[in-house]
Protein backbone atom coordinates (compact mmCIF):
# COMPACT_ATOMS: atom_id res chain seq x y z
CA UNK A 1 -14.49 94.56 36.84
CA UNK A 2 -13.84 93.84 32.86
CA UNK A 3 -10.35 92.34 33.16
CA UNK A 4 -8.52 90.17 35.05
CA UNK A 5 -6.13 93.05 36.67
CA UNK A 6 -9.21 94.04 37.75
CA UNK A 7 -10.06 90.45 39.26
CA UNK A 8 -6.35 90.63 40.40
CA UNK A 9 -7.28 93.52 42.53
CA UNK A 10 -10.26 92.97 43.97
CA UNK A 11 -8.73 89.87 45.38
CA UNK A 12 -6.16 91.73 47.30
CA UNK A 13 -7.95 94.62 48.50
CA UNK A 14 -10.44 91.81 49.81
CA UNK A 15 -7.49 89.53 51.44
CA UNK A 16 -6.83 92.53 52.77
CA UNK A 17 -9.86 93.40 54.32
CA UNK A 18 -10.25 89.67 55.33
CA UNK A 19 -6.93 89.52 57.44
CA UNK A 20 -8.18 93.08 59.40
CA UNK A 21 -11.84 91.50 60.36
CA UNK A 22 -9.86 88.74 61.20
CA UNK A 23 -7.97 90.39 63.30
CA UNK A 24 -9.96 93.01 64.52
CA UNK A 25 -12.28 89.73 65.82
CA UNK A 26 -9.58 88.13 67.82
CA UNK A 27 -8.41 91.84 69.60
CA UNK A 28 -12.06 92.19 70.35
CA UNK A 29 -12.51 88.94 71.74
CA UNK A 30 -9.37 88.73 73.64
CA UNK A 31 -10.76 92.57 75.28
CA UNK A 32 -14.08 92.05 75.23
CA UNK A 33 -14.72 88.57 75.91
CA UNK A 34 -18.39 89.21 76.28
CA UNK A 35 -18.99 89.59 72.41
CA UNK A 36 -17.06 86.13 71.21
CA UNK A 37 -19.97 84.57 70.52
CA UNK A 38 -21.48 87.97 68.64
CA UNK A 39 -18.32 87.47 66.60
CA UNK A 40 -18.42 83.65 65.33
CA UNK A 41 -21.98 84.43 64.76
CA UNK A 42 -20.81 87.10 62.19
CA UNK A 43 -18.05 84.49 60.42
CA UNK A 44 -20.50 81.86 60.12
CA UNK A 45 -23.33 83.92 58.79
CA UNK A 46 -21.01 85.76 56.19
CA UNK A 47 -19.33 82.55 55.21
CA UNK A 48 -22.81 81.04 54.58
CA UNK A 49 -24.27 83.97 53.11
CA UNK A 50 -20.94 83.84 50.41
CA UNK A 51 -21.41 79.65 50.00
CA UNK A 52 -24.88 80.45 49.27
CA UNK A 53 -24.32 82.98 46.87
CA UNK A 54 -21.78 81.32 45.24
CA UNK A 55 -23.53 77.91 44.29
CA UNK A 56 -26.81 80.45 43.36
CA UNK A 57 -24.03 82.10 40.89
CA UNK A 58 -22.69 78.77 38.98
CA UNK A 59 -26.14 77.46 38.81
CA UNK A 60 -27.31 80.98 37.09
CA UNK A 61 -23.82 80.84 35.07
CA UNK A 62 -24.43 76.76 34.49
CA UNK A 63 -20.62 76.43 35.80
CA UNK A 64 -19.99 74.96 38.95
CA UNK A 65 -15.25 75.50 38.45
CA UNK A 66 -15.80 78.31 40.41
CA UNK A 67 -17.62 76.95 43.79
CA UNK A 68 -15.83 73.94 42.97
CA UNK A 69 -11.90 75.58 42.98
CA UNK A 70 -13.88 77.42 46.84
CA UNK A 71 -15.10 74.49 48.04
CA UNK A 72 -11.89 72.61 47.28
CA UNK A 73 -9.63 75.20 48.61
CA UNK A 74 -11.89 75.56 52.22
CA UNK A 75 -11.62 71.79 52.51
CA UNK A 76 -8.56 70.48 52.03
CA UNK A 77 -6.58 73.68 51.81
CA UNK A 78 -6.02 73.26 47.98
């Protein structure tokens, strides 16, 4: 991604994908409750991997602004 429009488009696609994953997760847990723990574990692992990557990337670029914004949004909804 080389410009702000591509980044914005990427965020929009990512958000759509996440919405679909959430909806699918609830659907599967409702129809096949035996997969509940597995689905929750996948969510936790994915969020932990994302958080780890964000920290490592912030350290690599010596800039914690993006990570701080992500953390603040997740914790405080701001």
